[in-house]
C-alpha atoms as a PDB file:
ATOM      1  CA  MET A   1      68.342 104.673  37.914  1.00  0.00           C
ATOM      2  CA  LYS A   2      69.568 108.329  39.082  1.00  0.00           C
ATOM      3  CA  ARG A   3      65.867 108.362  40.480  1.00  0.00           C
ATOM      4  CA  ILE A   4      66.177 105.169  42.233  1.00  0.00           C
ATOM      5  CA  LEU A   5      68.912 106.063  44.375  1.00  0.00           C
ATOM      6  CA  TYR A   6      67.302 109.111  45.286  1.00  0.00           C
ATOM      7  CA  VAL A   7      64.712 107.497  46.725  1.00  0.00           C
ATOM      8  CA  LEU A   8      66.641 104.430  48.759  1.00  0.00           C
ATOM      9  CA  GLY A   9      69.508 107.108  49.500  1.00  0.00           C
ATOM     10  CA  GLY A  10      66.726 108.422  51.241  1.00  0.00           C
ATOM     11  CA  VAL A  11      65.384 106.251  52.740  1.00  0.00           C
ATOM     12  CA  ILE A  12      69.285 105.719  54.025  1.00  0.00           C
ATOM     13  CA  ILE A  13      69.527 108.440  54.948  1.00  0.00           C
ATOM     14  CA  SER A  14      66.748 108.855  56.778  1.00  0.00           C
ATOM     15  CA  ALA A  15      67.013 106.242  58.402  1.00  0.00           C
ATOM     16  CA  PHE A  16      70.869 107.530  59.662  1.00  0.00           C
ATOM     17  CA  LEU A  17      69.296 109.844  61.393  1.00  0.00           C
ATOM     18  CA  GLY A  18      66.828 108.287  63.671  1.00  0.00           C
ATOM     19  CA  LEU A  19      69.715 106.400  64.903  1.00  0.00           C
ATOM     20  CA  SER A  20      71.433 108.916  65.224  1.00  0.00           C
ATOM     21  CA  GLN A  21      68.903 110.464  68.141  1.00  0.00           C
ATOM     22  CA  SER A  22      68.694 106.748  69.530  1.00  0.00           C
ATOM     23  CA  THR A  23      72.280 106.427  70.652  1.00  0.00           C
ATOM     24  CA  ALA A  24      71.347 108.637  73.332  1.00  0.00           C
ATOM     25  CA  GLN A  25      68.752 106.379  74.711  1.00  0.00           C
ATOM     26  CA  THR A  26      68.658 104.132  77.241  1.00  0.00           C
ATOM     27  CA  VAL A  27      69.070 100.386  76.031  1.00  0.00           C
ATOM     28  CA  LYS A  28      66.503  98.096  77.649  1.00  0.00           C
ATOM     29  CA  SER A  29      67.405  94.698  76.153  1.00  0.00           C
ATOM     30  CA  GLY A  30      66.322  91.685  78.330  1.00  0.00           C
ATOM     31  CA  THR A  31      62.433  93.847  79.433  1.00  0.00           C
ATOM     32  CA  THR A  32      60.580  92.036  77.394  1.00  0.00           C
ATOM     33  CA  ALA A  33      58.430  88.174  77.180  1.00  0.00           C
ATOM     34  CA  ALA A  34      58.573  85.883  74.157  1.00  0.00           C
ATOM     35  CA  GLN A  35      61.685  86.968  72.602  1.00  0.00           C
ATOM     36  CA  PHE A  36      61.246  83.690  70.294  1.00  0.00           C
ATOM     37  CA  LEU A  37      58.418  86.184  68.536  1.00  0.00           C
ATOM     38  CA  LYS A  38      62.050  88.108  66.952  1.00  0.00           C
ATOM     39  CA  ILE A  39      63.330  85.000  65.428  1.00  0.00           C
ATOM     40  CA  GLY A  40      62.349  85.770  61.367  1.00  0.00           C
ATOM     41  CA  ILE A  41      61.195  83.078  59.730  1.00  0.00           C
ATOM     42  CA  GLY A  42      61.895  81.866  55.400  1.00  0.00           C
ATOM     43  CA  ALA A  43      64.989  81.273  54.529  1.00  0.00           C
ATOM     44  CA  ARG A  44      64.858  83.888  51.424  1.00  0.00           C
ATOM     45  CA  SER A  45      64.098  86.849  54.350  1.00  0.00           C
ATOM     46  CA  VAL A  46      66.371  85.466  56.195  1.00  0.00           C
ATOM     47  CA  GLY A  47      69.197  85.919  53.934  1.00  0.00           C
ATOM     48  CA  MET A  48      68.302  89.172  52.413  1.00  0.00           C
ATOM     49  CA  GLY A  49      68.832  90.524  55.591  1.00  0.00           C
ATOM     50  CA  GLU A  50      65.854  90.657  57.163  1.00  0.00           C
ATOM     51  CA  ALA A  51      65.178  93.493  54.536  1.00  0.00           C
ATOM     52  CA  PHE A  52      61.534  92.081  54.034  1.00  0.00           C
ATOM     53  CA  VAL A  53      58.301  94.131  54.776  1.00  0.00           C
ATOM     54  CA  ALA A  54      57.966  95.826  51.605  1.00  0.00           C
ATOM     55  CA  THR A  55      58.448  92.793  49.744  1.00  0.00           C
ATOM     56  CA  ALA A  56      56.231  89.954  51.341  1.00  0.00           C
ATOM     57  CA  ASN A  57      55.009  89.224  48.560  1.00  0.00           C
ATOM     58  CA  ASP A  58      55.179  84.818  49.014  1.00  0.00           C
ATOM     59  CA  ILE A  59      53.641  83.527  51.880  1.00  0.00           C
ATOM     60  CA  SER A  60      56.865  84.107  54.974  1.00  0.00           C
ATOM     61  CA  ALA A  61      54.585  87.342  54.412  1.00  0.00           C
ATOM     62  CA  ILE A  62      52.142  85.731  57.380  1.00  0.00           C
ATOM     63  CA  TYR A  63      54.980  86.715  59.307  1.00  0.00           C
ATOM     64  CA  TRP A  64      56.909  90.303  57.293  1.00  0.00           C
ATOM     65  CA  ASN A  65      54.040  91.939  56.184  1.00  0.00           C
ATOM     66  CA  PRO A  66      50.585  90.196  56.321  1.00  0.00           C
ATOM     67  CA  ALA A  67      49.570  92.552  53.910  1.00  0.00           C
ATOM     68  CA  GLY A  68      52.210  90.692  51.093  1.00  0.00           C
ATOM     69  CA  LEU A  69      49.354  87.557  51.355  1.00  0.00           C
ATOM     70  CA  SER A  70      46.918  90.092  49.578  1.00  0.00           C
ATOM     71  CA  SER A  71      49.424  89.396  46.403  1.00  0.00           C
ATOM     72  CA  LEU A  72      49.107  85.684  45.998  1.00  0.00           C
ATOM     73  CA  THR A  73      47.030  83.984  43.326  1.00  0.00           C
ATOM     74  CA  ALA A  74      47.460  80.236  44.697  1.00  0.00           C
ATOM     75  CA  ASN A  75      46.764  78.130  47.641  1.00  0.00           C
ATOM     76  CA  GLU A  76      51.071  77.992  49.841  1.00  0.00           C
ATOM     77  CA  ALA A  77      52.756  76.548  52.403  1.00  0.00           C
ATOM     78  CA  ILE A  78      55.956  76.824  54.286  1.00  0.00           C
ATOM     79  CA  PHE A  79      57.713  74.429  56.476  1.00  0.00           C
ATOM     80  CA  PHE A  80      60.715  76.186  58.597  1.00  0.00           C
ATOM     81  CA  HIS A  81      63.412  74.908  60.713  1.00  0.00           C
ATOM     82  CA  THR A  82      66.217  76.883  62.416  1.00  0.00           C
ATOM     83  CA  ASP A  83      68.859  74.742  64.740  1.00  0.00           C
ATOM     84  CA  TRP A  84      68.800  77.705  66.888  1.00  0.00           C
ATOM     85  CA  LEU A  85      71.569  79.119  69.450  1.00  0.00           C
ATOM     86  CA  ALA A  86      72.644  76.474  72.195  1.00  0.00           C
ATOM     87  CA  GLY A  87      70.999  73.653  70.976  1.00  0.00           C
ATOM     88  CA  ILE A  88      67.636  75.409  70.448  1.00  0.00           C
ATOM     89  CA  SER A  89      64.773  73.945  67.526  1.00  0.00           C
ATOM     90  CA  TYR A  90      62.706  76.844  66.310  1.00  0.00           C
ATOM     91  CA  ASP A  91      60.288  75.690  63.469  1.00  0.00           C
ATOM     92  CA  PHE A  92      57.814  77.685  62.224  1.00  0.00           C
ATOM     93  CA  ALA A  93      54.741  75.942  59.792  1.00  0.00           C
ATOM     94  CA  ALA A  94      51.574  77.893  57.740  1.00  0.00           C
ATOM     95  CA  PHE A  95      49.732  77.882  54.973  1.00  0.00           C
ATOM     96  CA  SER A  96      47.040  80.551  53.122  1.00  0.00           C
ATOM     97  CA  ILE A  97      44.535  80.294  50.842  1.00  0.00           C
ATOM     98  CA  PRO A  98      43.538  83.116  48.581  1.00  0.00           C
ATOM     99  CA  LEU A  99      39.348  83.523  47.775  1.00  0.00           C
ATOM    100  CA  GLY A 100      38.915  86.462  45.175  1.00  0.00           C
ATOM    101  CA  GLU A 101      37.751  89.250  45.920  1.00  0.00           C
ATOM    102  CA  TRP A 102      37.047  87.723  49.777  1.00  0.00           C
ATOM    103  CA  GLY A 103      40.659  88.535  50.467  1.00  0.00           C
ATOM    104  CA  THR A 104      43.590  85.750  51.415  1.00  0.00           C
ATOM    105  CA  PHE A 105      43.158  83.921  54.496  1.00  0.00           C
ATOM    106  CA  GLY A 106      45.947  81.858  56.958  1.00  0.00           C
ATOM    107  CA  GLY A 107      47.541  80.266  59.868  1.00  0.00           C
ATOM    108  CA  PHE A 108      50.374  79.967  61.380  1.00  0.00           C
ATOM    109  CA  PHE A 109      52.366  77.634  63.496  1.00  0.00           C
ATOM    110  CA  ALA A 110      56.035  77.980  65.502  1.00  0.00           C
ATOM    111  CA  GLY A 111      57.098  76.386  68.307  1.00  0.00           C
ATOM    112  CA  LEU A 112      60.730  76.837  70.244  1.00  0.00           C
ATOM    113  CA  THR A 113      61.389  74.273  71.449  1.00  0.00           C
ATOM    114  CA  VAL A 114      65.112  74.498  74.656  1.00  0.00           C
ATOM    115  CA  PRO A 115      66.868  71.013  75.588  1.00  0.00           C
ATOM    116  CA  SER A 116      65.804  69.894  78.721  1.00  0.00           C
ATOM    117  CA  ASP A 117      68.277  69.809  81.820  1.00  0.00           C
ATOM    118  CA  LYS A 118      68.866  69.267  85.389  1.00  0.00           C
ATOM    119  CA  VAL A 119      67.182  70.565  88.532  1.00  0.00           C
ATOM    120  CA  ARG A 120      70.001  71.448  90.837  1.00  0.00           C
ATOM    121  CA  THR A 121      70.219  73.186  93.648  1.00  0.00           C
ATOM    122  CA  VAL A 122      72.246  74.649  96.939  1.00  0.00           C
ATOM    123  CA  HIS A 123      72.374  71.056  98.258  1.00  0.00           C
ATOM    124  CA  ASP A 124      72.024  69.242  95.001  1.00  0.00           C
ATOM    125  CA  PRO A 125      74.627  71.215  92.651  1.00  0.00           C
ATOM    126  CA  GLU A 126      74.877  67.547  90.986  1.00  0.00           C
ATOM    127  CA  GLY A 127      70.694  67.316  90.153  1.00  0.00           C
ATOM    128  CA  THR A 128      68.352  66.449  92.236  1.00  0.00           C
ATOM    129  CA  GLY A 129      67.537  63.956  89.975  1.00  0.00           C
ATOM    130  CA  GLU A 130      64.572  66.134  88.322  1.00  0.00           C
ATOM    131  CA  PHE A 131      65.259  67.440  84.632  1.00  0.00           C
ATOM    132  CA  PHE A 132      63.685  70.385  83.308  1.00  0.00           C
ATOM    133  CA  GLY A 133      62.484  71.630  80.424  1.00  0.00           C
ATOM    134  CA  ALA A 134      60.728  75.016  78.197  1.00  0.00           C
ATOM    135  CA  SER A 135      59.135  75.967  75.643  1.00  0.00           C
ATOM    136  CA  ASP A 136      56.936  78.594  73.297  1.00  0.00           C
ATOM    137  CA  ILE A 137      54.436  78.078  70.906  1.00  0.00           C
ATOM    138  CA  ALA A 138      52.196  80.659  68.953  1.00  0.00           C
ATOM    139  CA  LEU A 139      49.224  80.311  67.004  1.00  0.00           C
ATOM    140  CA  GLY A 140      47.687  82.784  64.328  1.00  0.00           C
ATOM    141  CA  ILE A 141      45.022  83.618  61.949  1.00  0.00           C
ATOM    142  CA  SER A 142      45.553  86.068  59.347  1.00  0.00           C
ATOM    143  CA  TYR A 143      43.714  87.796  56.757  1.00  0.00           C
ATOM    144  CA  ALA A 144      44.546  90.056  53.905  1.00  0.00           C
ATOM    145  CA  ARG A 145      42.811  92.087  50.991  1.00  0.00           C
ATOM    146  CA  LYS A 146      43.669  94.371  48.324  1.00  0.00           C
ATOM    147  CA  ILE A 147      42.217  97.590  49.266  1.00  0.00           C
ATOM    148  CA  THR A 148      42.487  99.444  45.541  1.00  0.00           C
ATOM    149  CA  ASP A 149      44.192  96.902  43.285  1.00  0.00           C
ATOM    150  CA  ARG A 150      48.392  99.363  44.295  1.00  0.00           C
ATOM    151  CA  PHE A 151      47.144  99.045  47.900  1.00  0.00           C
ATOM    152  CA  SER A 152      47.036  96.384  50.463  1.00  0.00           C
ATOM    153  CA  PHE A 153      46.282  95.792  54.312  1.00  0.00           C
ATOM    154  CA  GLY A 154      46.697  93.123  56.153  1.00  0.00           C
ATOM    155  CA  MET A 155      46.789  91.429  59.543  1.00  0.00           C
ATOM    156  CA  ASN A 156      47.217  88.619  62.434  1.00  0.00           C
ATOM    157  CA  ALA A 157      45.840  87.216  65.261  1.00  0.00           C
ATOM    158  CA  LYS A 158      48.051  85.438  67.879  1.00  0.00           C
ATOM    159  CA  TYR A 159      47.647  83.311  70.977  1.00  0.00           C
ATOM    160  CA  ILE A 160      51.556  82.930  72.701  1.00  0.00           C
ATOM    161  CA  LYS A 161      52.351  80.723  75.760  1.00  0.00           C
ATOM    162  CA  GLU A 162      56.041  80.336  77.306  1.00  0.00           C
ATOM    163  CA  ARG A 163      56.350  77.187  79.200  1.00  0.00           C
ATOM    164  CA  ILE A 164      59.668  76.922  81.819  1.00  0.00           C
ATOM    165  CA  TRP A 165      59.078  73.673  83.856  1.00  0.00           C
ATOM    166  CA  ASN A 166      55.912  74.251  86.266  1.00  0.00           C
ATOM    167  CA  MET A 167      55.430  77.993  85.164  1.00  0.00           C
ATOM    168  CA  ALA A 168      53.693  79.176  82.203  1.00  0.00           C
ATOM    169  CA  ALA A 169      52.917  82.210  80.921  1.00  0.00           C
ATOM    170  CA  SER A 170      50.588  83.190  77.954  1.00  0.00           C
ATOM    171  CA  ALA A 171      49.204  86.418  76.215  1.00  0.00           C
ATOM    172  CA  VAL A 172      47.020  87.398  72.955  1.00  0.00           C
ATOM    173  CA  ALA A 173      48.468  89.843  69.829  1.00  0.00           C
ATOM    174  CA  VAL A 174      47.721  91.517  67.082  1.00  0.00           C
ATOM    175  CA  ASP A 175      49.757  92.742  64.081  1.00  0.00           C
ATOM    176  CA  VAL A 176      48.940  95.075  60.862  1.00  0.00           C
ATOM    177  CA  GLY A 177      50.602  95.701  58.121  1.00  0.00           C
ATOM    178  CA  THR A 178      50.337  97.726  54.852  1.00  0.00           C
ATOM    179  CA  ILE A 179      52.252  97.752  51.473  1.00  0.00           C
ATOM    180  CA  TYR A 180      51.762 100.237  49.009  1.00  0.00           C
ATOM    181  CA  ARG A 181      53.325  99.626  45.331  1.00  0.00           C
ATOM    182  CA  SER A 182      54.005 102.549  42.731  1.00  0.00           C
ATOM    183  CA  GLN A 183      54.098 102.651  38.961  1.00  0.00           C
ATOM    184  CA  PHE A 184      58.559 103.415  39.147  1.00  0.00           C
ATOM    185  CA  HIS A 185      59.927  99.863  38.801  1.00  0.00           C
ATOM    186  CA  ASP A 186      57.269  98.655  40.803  1.00  0.00           C
ATOM    187  CA  LEU A 187      58.986 100.421  44.129  1.00  0.00           C
ATOM    188  CA  ARG A 188      57.414  98.949  47.147  1.00  0.00           C
ATOM    189  CA  ILE A 189      56.647 100.793  50.391  1.00  0.00           C
ATOM    190  CA  GLY A 190      55.669  98.602  53.589  1.00  0.00           C
ATOM    191  CA  MET A 191      54.612  99.242  56.932  1.00  0.00           C
ATOM    192  CA  MET A 192      53.961  96.633  60.104  1.00  0.00           C
ATOM    193  CA  MET A 193      53.563  96.783  63.264  1.00  0.00           C
ATOM    194  CA  SER A 194      54.100  93.219  65.005  1.00  0.00           C
ATOM    195  CA  ASN A 195      53.201  92.420  68.722  1.00  0.00           C
ATOM    196  CA  PHE A 196      50.808  94.836  69.626  1.00  0.00           C
ATOM    197  CA  GLY A 197      49.006  92.809  72.873  1.00  0.00           C
ATOM    198  CA  THR A 198      48.494  91.975  76.565  1.00  0.00           C
ATOM    199  CA  GLN A 199      51.442  91.435  79.198  1.00  0.00           C
ATOM    200  CA  MET A 200      52.562  88.107  80.132  1.00  0.00           C
ATOM    201  CA  GLN A 201      52.724  86.484  83.691  1.00  0.00           C
ATOM    202  CA  MET A 202      54.378  83.181  84.883  1.00  0.00           C
ATOM    203  CA  ALA A 203      51.752  81.260  87.413  1.00  0.00           C
ATOM    204  CA  GLY A 204      51.868  78.029  88.464  1.00  0.00           C
ATOM    205  CA  ARG A 205      53.445  74.729  90.929  1.00  0.00           C
ATOM    206  CA  ASN A 206      57.146  76.373  91.135  1.00  0.00           C
ATOM    207  CA  ALA A 207      55.476  80.014  93.136  1.00  0.00           C
ATOM    208  CA  LEU A 208      53.834  77.736  95.831  1.00  0.00           C
ATOM    209  CA  LEU A 209      55.231  78.014  99.045  1.00  0.00           C
ATOM    210  CA  PHE A 210      54.474  77.141 102.521  1.00  0.00           C
ATOM    211  CA  VAL A 211      54.846  80.609 105.483  1.00  0.00           C
ATOM    212  CA  ASP A 212      54.587  80.871 108.653  1.00  0.00           C
ATOM    213  CA  ILE A 213      52.481  84.121 108.890  1.00  0.00           C
ATOM    214  CA  ASP A 214      53.455  84.653 112.833  1.00  0.00           C
ATOM    215  CA  PRO A 215      57.043  82.887 114.010  1.00  0.00           C
ATOM    216  CA  THR A 216      56.891  84.468 117.156  1.00  0.00           C
ATOM    217  CA  LEU A 217      53.191  82.830 118.325  1.00  0.00           C
ATOM    218  CA  ASN A 218      53.467  78.774 118.877  1.00  0.00           C
ATOM    219  CA  GLY A 219      51.109  76.333 117.994  1.00  0.00           C
ATOM    220  CA  ASN A 220      49.784  78.517 114.450  1.00  0.00           C
ATOM    221  CA  ASN A 221      49.575  76.873 111.209  1.00  0.00           C
ATOM    222  CA  GLU A 222      53.382  76.994 110.425  1.00  0.00           C
ATOM    223  CA  ALA A 223      52.651  75.879 106.308  1.00  0.00           C
ATOM    224  CA  ILE A 224      50.036  78.432 104.894  1.00  0.00           C
ATOM    225  CA  ARG A 225      49.522  77.454 100.710  1.00  0.00           C
ATOM    226  CA  ALA A 226      50.476  80.596  99.937  1.00  0.00           C
ATOM    227  CA  GLN A 227      51.292  81.727  96.100  1.00  0.00           C
ATOM    228  CA  LEU A 228      54.393  83.997  94.785  1.00  0.00           C
ATOM    229  CA  GLU A 229      52.843  86.741  92.264  1.00  0.00           C
ATOM    230  CA  MET A 230      55.672  87.317  89.684  1.00  0.00           C
ATOM    231  CA  GLU A 231      55.537  90.157  87.589  1.00  0.00           C
ATOM    232  CA  LYS A 232      54.215  91.371  84.322  1.00  0.00           C
ATOM    233  CA  TRP A 233      56.319  91.406  81.163  1.00  0.00           C
ATOM    234  CA  SER A 234      55.270  93.423  77.695  1.00  0.00           C
ATOM    235  CA  LEU A 235      55.772  92.329  74.084  1.00  0.00           C
ATOM    236  CA  PRO A 236      58.831  93.343  72.222  1.00  0.00           C
ATOM    237  CA  LEU A 237      56.438  95.434  70.390  1.00  0.00           C
ATOM    238  CA  GLN A 238      58.107  95.979  66.285  1.00  0.00           C
ATOM    239  CA  PHE A 239      57.667  98.980  64.063  1.00  0.00           C
ATOM    240  CA  ARG A 240      58.820  97.890  60.668  1.00  0.00           C
ATOM    241  CA  VAL A 241      58.546 100.585  57.648  1.00  0.00           C
ATOM    242  CA  GLY A 242      60.678  99.843  54.505  1.00  0.00           C
ATOM    243  CA  MET A 243      60.815  99.919  51.146  1.00  0.00           C
ATOM    244  CA  ALA A 244      62.160  97.660  47.766  1.00  0.00           C
ATOM    245  CA  ILE A 245      62.979  98.015  44.262  1.00  0.00           C
ATOM    246  CA  ASP A 246      63.045  96.152  40.827  1.00  0.00           C
ATOM    247  CA  PRO A 247      66.210  98.395  39.448  1.00  0.00           C
ATOM    248  CA  VAL A 248      66.894  95.447  36.737  1.00  0.00           C
ATOM    249  CA  LYS A 249      64.069  93.375  35.805  1.00  0.00           C
ATOM    250  CA  ASN A 250      63.338  91.632  32.572  1.00  0.00           C
ATOM    251  CA  ASP A 251      62.524  87.778  31.424  1.00  0.00           C
ATOM    252  CA  LEU A 252      65.812  86.758  32.333  1.00  0.00           C
ATOM    253  CA  MET A 253      66.702  88.314  35.831  1.00  0.00           C
ATOM    254  CA  ARG A 254      65.534  90.243  38.285  1.00  0.00           C
ATOM    255  CA  LEU A 255      67.228  92.309  40.820  1.00  0.00           C
ATOM    256  CA  THR A 256      65.459  93.249  44.439  1.00  0.00           C
ATOM    257  CA  VAL A 257      66.420  96.135  46.446  1.00  0.00           C
ATOM    258  CA  GLY A 258      65.406  96.351  50.106  1.00  0.00           C
ATOM    259  CA  ALA A 259      65.697  98.179  53.405  1.00  0.00           C
ATOM    260  CA  ASP A 260      63.706  98.696  56.076  1.00  0.00           C
ATOM    261  CA  ALA A 261      64.181 100.889  59.159  1.00  0.00           C
ATOM    262  CA  VAL A 262      62.850  99.020  62.716  1.00  0.00           C
ATOM    263  CA  HIS A 263      62.279 101.090  65.546  1.00  0.00           C
ATOM    264  CA  PRO A 264      61.931  98.068  68.515  1.00  0.00           C
ATOM    265  CA  ASN A 265      60.409  98.281  72.613  1.00  0.00           C
ATOM    266  CA  ASP A 266      63.216  96.896  73.504  1.00  0.00           C
ATOM    267  CA  ASN A 267      66.294  98.246  72.199  1.00  0.00           C
ATOM    268  CA  MET A 268      67.651 101.056  70.348  1.00  0.00           C
ATOM    269  CA  GLU A 269      66.177 101.427  66.299  1.00  0.00           C
ATOM    270  CA  PHE A 270      68.098  99.523  63.527  1.00  0.00           C
ATOM    271  CA  VAL A 271      68.283  99.206  60.153  1.00  0.00           C
ATOM    272  CA  ASN A 272      68.475  96.433  57.520  1.00  0.00           C
ATOM    273  CA  PHE A 273      69.600  96.045  54.372  1.00  0.00           C
ATOM    274  CA  GLY A 274      69.283  93.505  51.684  1.00  0.00           C
ATOM    275  CA  MET A 275      68.823  92.354  47.553  1.00  0.00           C
ATOM    276  CA  GLU A 276      67.846  89.095  45.213  1.00  0.00           C
ATOM    277  CA  TYR A 277      69.256  88.262  42.287  1.00  0.00           C
ATOM    278  CA  ALA A 278      66.785  85.918  40.733  1.00  0.00           C
ATOM    279  CA  PHE A 279      67.972  83.949  36.827  1.00  0.00           C
ATOM    280  CA  LYS A 280      64.863  82.824  35.258  1.00  0.00           C
ATOM    281  CA  GLU A 281      62.492  82.990  38.322  1.00  0.00           C
ATOM    282  CA  MET A 282      64.588  79.507  38.689  1.00  0.00           C
ATOM    283  CA  LEU A 283      67.690  79.810  40.350  1.00  0.00           C
ATOM    284  CA  PHE A 284      68.438  82.650  43.802  1.00  0.00           C
ATOM    285  CA  VAL A 285      71.388  84.542  44.931  1.00  0.00           C
ATOM    286  CA  ARG A 286      70.858  86.512  48.666  1.00  0.00           C
ATOM    287  CA  GLY A 287      72.778  88.455  50.676  1.00  0.00           C
ATOM    288  CA  GLY A 288      71.980  91.203  53.166  1.00  0.00           C
ATOM    289  CA  TYR A 289      73.310  92.771  56.490  1.00  0.00           C
ATOM    290  CA  ARG A 290      70.898  93.201  59.862  1.00  0.00           C
ATOM    291  CA  GLY A 291      71.130  94.914  63.396  1.00  0.00           C
ATOM    292  CA  LEU A 292      72.647  98.361  61.821  1.00  0.00           C
ATOM    293  CA  GLY A 293      73.371 100.580  64.197  1.00  0.00           C
ATOM    294  CA  ILE A 294      72.812  98.100  67.257  1.00  0.00           C
ATOM    295  CA  ASN A 295      75.319  98.479  69.257  1.00  0.00           C
ATOM    296  CA  GLN A 296      77.500  95.862  70.257  1.00  0.00           C
ATOM    297  CA  LEU A 297      76.042  93.949  67.371  1.00  0.00           C
ATOM    298  CA  GLU A 298      76.784  90.310  67.277  1.00  0.00           C
ATOM    299  CA  GLY A 299      77.699  89.688  63.620  1.00  0.00           C
ATOM    300  CA  GLY A 300      75.124  90.640  61.100  1.00  0.00           C
ATOM    301  CA  LEU A 301      76.043  88.883  57.671  1.00  0.00           C
ATOM    302  CA  THR A 302      73.722  86.476  56.091  1.00  0.00           C
ATOM    303  CA  LEU A 303      73.814  85.358  52.428  1.00  0.00           C
ATOM    304  CA  GLY A 304      71.233  82.565  50.990  1.00  0.00           C
ATOM    305  CA  GLY A 305      69.889  80.477  47.987  1.00  0.00           C
ATOM    306  CA  GLY A 306      67.409  79.104  46.292  1.00  0.00           C
ATOM    307  CA  PHE A 307      65.704  77.056  43.782  1.00  0.00           C
ATOM    308  CA  GLN A 308      62.363  77.447  42.538  1.00  0.00           C
ATOM    309  CA  TYR A 309      61.028  74.096  40.497  1.00  0.00           C
ATOM    310  CA  ARG A 310      57.675  74.875  38.866  1.00  0.00           C
ATOM    311  CA  PHE A 311      55.899  71.482  38.311  1.00  0.00           C
ATOM    312  CA  GLY A 312      53.285  72.676  35.704  1.00  0.00           C
ATOM    313  CA  GLY A 313      50.467  75.005  35.591  1.00  0.00           C
ATOM    314  CA  ALA A 314      50.396  76.974  38.119  1.00  0.00           C
ATOM    315  CA  ALA A 315      51.923  74.210  41.459  1.00  0.00           C
ATOM    316  CA  LYS A 316      55.860  75.311  42.172  1.00  0.00           C
ATOM    317  CA  ILE A 317      57.846  73.987  44.823  1.00  0.00           C
ATOM    318  CA  SER A 318      61.337  76.161  46.433  1.00  0.00           C
ATOM    319  CA  LEU A 319      64.152  75.313  48.687  1.00  0.00           C
ATOM    320  CA  ASN A 320      65.824  78.155  50.207  1.00  0.00           C
ATOM    321  CA  TYR A 321      68.893  78.147  52.655  1.00  0.00           C
ATOM    322  CA  ALA A 322      70.310  80.740  55.078  1.00  0.00           C
ATOM    323  CA  TYR A 323      73.239  81.344  56.821  1.00  0.00           C
ATOM    324  CA  ALA A 324      73.311  84.073  59.302  1.00  0.00           C
ATOM    325  CA  ASN A 325      76.352  85.399  61.084  1.00  0.00           C
ATOM    326  CA  TYR A 326      75.973  85.592  65.211  1.00  0.00           C
ATOM    327  CA  GLY A 327      79.426  87.063  65.877  1.00  0.00           C
ATOM    328  CA  ARG A 328      81.559  85.008  68.939  1.00  0.00           C
ATOM    329  CA  LEU A 329      77.529  83.271  69.038  1.00  0.00           C
ATOM    330  CA  ASN A 330      78.568  81.433  65.980  1.00  0.00           C
ATOM    331  CA  SER A 331      76.621  81.233  62.456  1.00  0.00           C
ATOM    332  CA  VAL A 332      73.306  79.795  62.329  1.00  0.00           C
ATOM    333  CA  ASN A 333      71.989  77.771  59.191  1.00  0.00           C
ATOM    334  CA  ARG A 334      68.173  78.003  58.381  1.00  0.00           C
ATOM    335  CA  TYR A 335      66.262  76.203  55.234  1.00  0.00           C
ATOM    336  CA  SER A 336      62.689  75.973  54.207  1.00  0.00           C
ATOM    337  CA  ILE A 337      60.411  74.769  51.533  1.00  0.00           C
ATOM    338  CA  SER A 338      57.646  76.349  50.029  1.00  0.00           C
ATOM    339  CA  VAL A 339      54.920  74.867  48.224  1.00  0.00           C
ATOM    340  CA  VAL A 340      52.099  77.023  45.974  1.00  0.00           C
ATOM    341  CA  PHE A 341      49.080  74.369  44.770  1.00  0.00           C
END
């Protein structure tokens, strides 16, 4: 137990040292596109404070660390829904298929939808009669494989698109992750780089203009078609490193404790902590805290629970719920269902 505390203490101290050095840096919130890619998926991982990069041992690993897919021994699928902030809806679905020595293959879809609203102008503040909407999607494929019996590697390749009214932007990106498992209480070390890809640039009909090249001339074309060139924005690149350990594990119960340190390109470094208590691998209670180290963080506490039922053989179904506090923005409830078959 002392060794376990020393290991976890080392991770925490290292993370806080990094946080103390980052406080003097300029916060770059709002400087990247495709923010929906930062919404964590899976009620299990969210309930654990999103400290999941080293645990990542179910289908939700396709988001947190695709290297974790290599530990799956049966086909698995997940369906995740979130009533996000301000009436926004977010859905995620994924599947994985292990193929033995060939590795594990998977795919996923993420979609965010913003409620439609009136088009308002200076002359028509109550609306022009038109409505606009916004949505984001991400489509991807995954591959993971065990390099040795203790080291795993995984990656995602994905297509990303954002749309608002008649404008749209797209990009491609990759995620790369690794997991190392030690013999000491199944201590796991995970690393993940996500959303490394091209920049996004909005284009579409709403950028069309009609201009007069030279208003001082009479008789020239006063309505030449022109297109506004929008600025390019980077994706929300993140690097995660974390550790997880099972200080208690037997046939009756299991306790998993984890911590992640996260370095984003559009904010300060922060740390997530979480834990999961399992009773006979059927009933689960979870808790955590995310975003430790972010100035003026809105909330951070997460709680959750779940139930897993085995139908016989390898088939089983898992139902999970998570609560995440966002302070003045209220709370968010998340639900997910995963199936092993």
